[in-house]
Protein backbone atom coordinates (compact mmCIF):
# COMPACT_ATOMS: atom_id res chain seq x y z
CA UNK A 1 -23.25 0.62 -15.84
CA UNK A 2 -21.47 -0.17 -12.58
CA UNK A 3 -21.65 2.28 -9.74
CA UNK A 4 -19.75 2.28 -6.46
CA UNK A 5 -20.77 4.94 -3.98
CA UNK A 6 -18.73 5.54 -0.84
CA UNK A 7 -19.93 7.25 2.29
CA UNK A 8 -18.88 7.67 5.90
CA UNK A 9 -15.77 9.78 5.61
CA UNK A 10 -15.13 12.83 7.73
CA UNK A 11 -12.97 14.49 10.34
CA UNK A 12 -11.94 12.49 13.40
CA UNK A 13 -9.41 12.90 16.19
CA UNK A 14 -6.39 10.69 16.70
CA UNK A 15 -7.46 7.38 18.16
CA UNK A 16 -11.01 7.73 16.92
CA UNK A 17 -13.05 5.50 14.63
CA UNK A 18 -14.94 5.76 11.37
CA UNK A 19 -16.85 3.28 9.26
CA UNK A 20 -16.82 3.68 5.51
CA UNK A 21 -19.53 2.13 3.35
CA UNK A 22 -19.51 1.27 -0.33
CA UNK A 23 -22.80 0.54 -2.04
CA UNK A 24 -22.50 -1.37 -5.31
CA UNK A 25 -25.13 -1.33 -8.04
CA UNK A 26 -25.54 -2.14 -11.70
CA UNK A 27 -23.90 -5.57 -11.65
CA UNK A 28 -23.66 -8.61 -9.44
CA UNK A 29 -20.17 -9.12 -8.05
CA UNK A 30 -21.00 -12.44 -6.49
CA UNK A 31 -17.67 -14.04 -7.34
CA UNK A 32 -15.20 -11.20 -7.52
CA UNK A 33 -12.96 -9.20 -5.26
CA UNK A 34 -13.51 -5.76 -3.83
CA UNK A 35 -11.00 -3.53 -2.11
CA UNK A 36 -10.35 -0.21 -0.49
CA UNK A 37 -7.48 1.99 -1.64
CA UNK A 38 -6.45 5.38 -0.36
CA UNK A 39 -4.52 8.30 -1.72
CA UNK A 40 -2.86 10.96 0.41
CA UNK A 41 -1.89 14.32 -1.12
CA UNK A 42 1.13 13.96 -3.36
CA UNK A 43 1.26 10.19 -3.01
CA UNK A 44 0.31 7.18 -5.09
CA UNK A 45 -2.77 5.08 -4.47
CA UNK A 46 -2.14 2.69 -1.58
CA UNK A 47 -3.90 -0.62 -1.05
CA UNK A 48 -5.72 -0.77 2.29
CA UNK A 49 -7.85 -3.93 2.43
CA UNK A 50 -9.58 -6.39 0.15
CA UNK A 51 -12.31 -8.99 0.37
CA UNK A 52 -13.78 -11.67 -1.80
CA UNK A 53 -17.38 -10.67 -2.37
CA UNK A 54 -18.88 -14.06 -1.72
CA UNK A 55 -16.25 -15.95 0.23
CA UNK A 56 -15.09 -13.48 2.82
CA UNK A 57 -11.35 -13.99 2.21
CA UNK A 58 -9.64 -10.81 3.39
CA UNK A 59 -6.21 -9.22 3.11
CA UNK A 60 -4.81 -6.06 4.68
CA UNK A 61 -1.92 -3.70 4.25
CA UNK A 62 0.58 -4.02 7.09
CA UNK A 63 -0.01 -0.38 7.99
CA UNK A 64 -3.66 -1.03 8.92
CA UNK A 65 -3.59 -4.64 10.10
CA UNK A 66 -5.16 -4.96 13.53
CA UNK A 67 -6.85 -1.56 13.27
CA UNK A 68 -9.05 -1.80 10.16
CA UNK A 69 -11.62 -4.44 9.30
CA UNK A 70 -13.20 -5.00 5.88
CA UNK A 71 -16.54 -6.76 5.69
CA UNK A 72 -19.51 -7.11 3.39
CA UNK A 73 -23.27 -7.45 3.50
CA UNK A 74 -24.35 -9.35 0.42
CA UNK A 75 -28.03 -8.65 0.99
CA UNK A 76 -27.31 -4.93 0.78
CA UNK A 77 -24.60 -5.16 -1.89
CA UNK A 78 -22.42 -3.15 0.45
CA UNK A 79 -18.81 -3.39 1.58
CA UNK A 80 -17.62 -1.73 4.78
CA UNK A 81 -14.30 -0.56 6.16
CA UNK A 82 -14.26 -0.20 9.93
CA UNK A 83 -11.34 1.98 10.92
CA UNK A 84 -10.24 2.11 14.56
CA UNK A 85 -7.30 3.71 16.37
CA UNK A 86 -6.94 6.22 13.55
CA UNK A 87 -3.63 8.00 13.06
CA UNK A 88 -2.72 11.20 11.19
CA UNK A 89 -1.05 9.08 8.51
CA UNK A 90 -4.43 7.53 7.74
CA UNK A 91 -5.55 10.87 6.32
CA UNK A 92 -6.40 10.36 2.66
CA UNK A 93 -9.16 10.03 0.12
CA UNK A 94 -10.49 6.48 0.39
CA UNK A 95 -11.72 4.70 -2.72
CA UNK A 96 -13.91 1.65 -3.03
CA UNK A 97 -12.96 -0.59 -5.93
CA UNK A 98 -14.21 -3.75 -7.58
CA UNK A 99 -12.70 -6.22 -9.96
CA UNK A 100 -14.55 -8.02 -12.74
CA UNK A 101 -11.80 -10.64 -13.04
CA UNK A 102 -10.18 -11.34 -9.69
CA UNK A 103 -11.63 -14.27 -7.72
CA UNK A 104 -9.62 -13.22 -4.67
CA UNK A 105 -8.45 -9.77 -3.59
CA UNK A 106 -4.95 -8.64 -4.51
CA UNK A 107 -3.14 -5.43 -3.54
CA UNK A 108 -2.46 -4.09 -7.05
CA UNK A 109 -4.61 -1.13 -8.07
CA UNK A 110 -4.32 -2.11 -11.74
CA UNK A 111 -6.42 -5.22 -11.19
CA UNK A 112 -9.51 -3.26 -10.15
CA UNK A 113 -11.52 -1.84 -13.01
CA UNK A 114 -14.35 -0.13 -11.13
CA UNK A 115 -13.74 2.78 -8.76
CA UNK A 116 -15.96 4.97 -6.63
CA UNK A 117 -15.64 8.73 -6.42
CA UNK A 118 -13.79 8.63 -3.11
CA UNK A 119 -14.50 9.87 0.39
CA UNK A 120 -12.19 12.07 2.44
CA UNK A 121 -10.91 10.89 5.81
CA UNK A 122 -9.03 13.41 7.90
CA UNK A 123 -7.42 12.50 11.21
CA UNK A 124 -6.56 15.56 13.24
CA UNK A 125 -3.94 15.90 15.93
């Protein structure tokens, strides 16, 4: 059984920072991609950032490029999302995801078969 557990969400003011963590357990994702998606109320899931578990290749949505950084700590089986210069439009539930097939991250939600429970990020004005 695969488990992805997110943490680190919360309430932050405009321009502030948060770091999300995603702890993976139950399976070794040594060769596969992981990603963060987010979903705002009434909207579809939106790709945020992705990383190859072992190789470090990263991709970002244009809306977060230059502000967010995805990274991983293989020793801890954990993926991080450092979010800086937060804006109200970043408010959403953030989900950690993992793919059992992708060697490199891609922005389509349908290619990720494991999802965490989500963590709320609220950016207040």
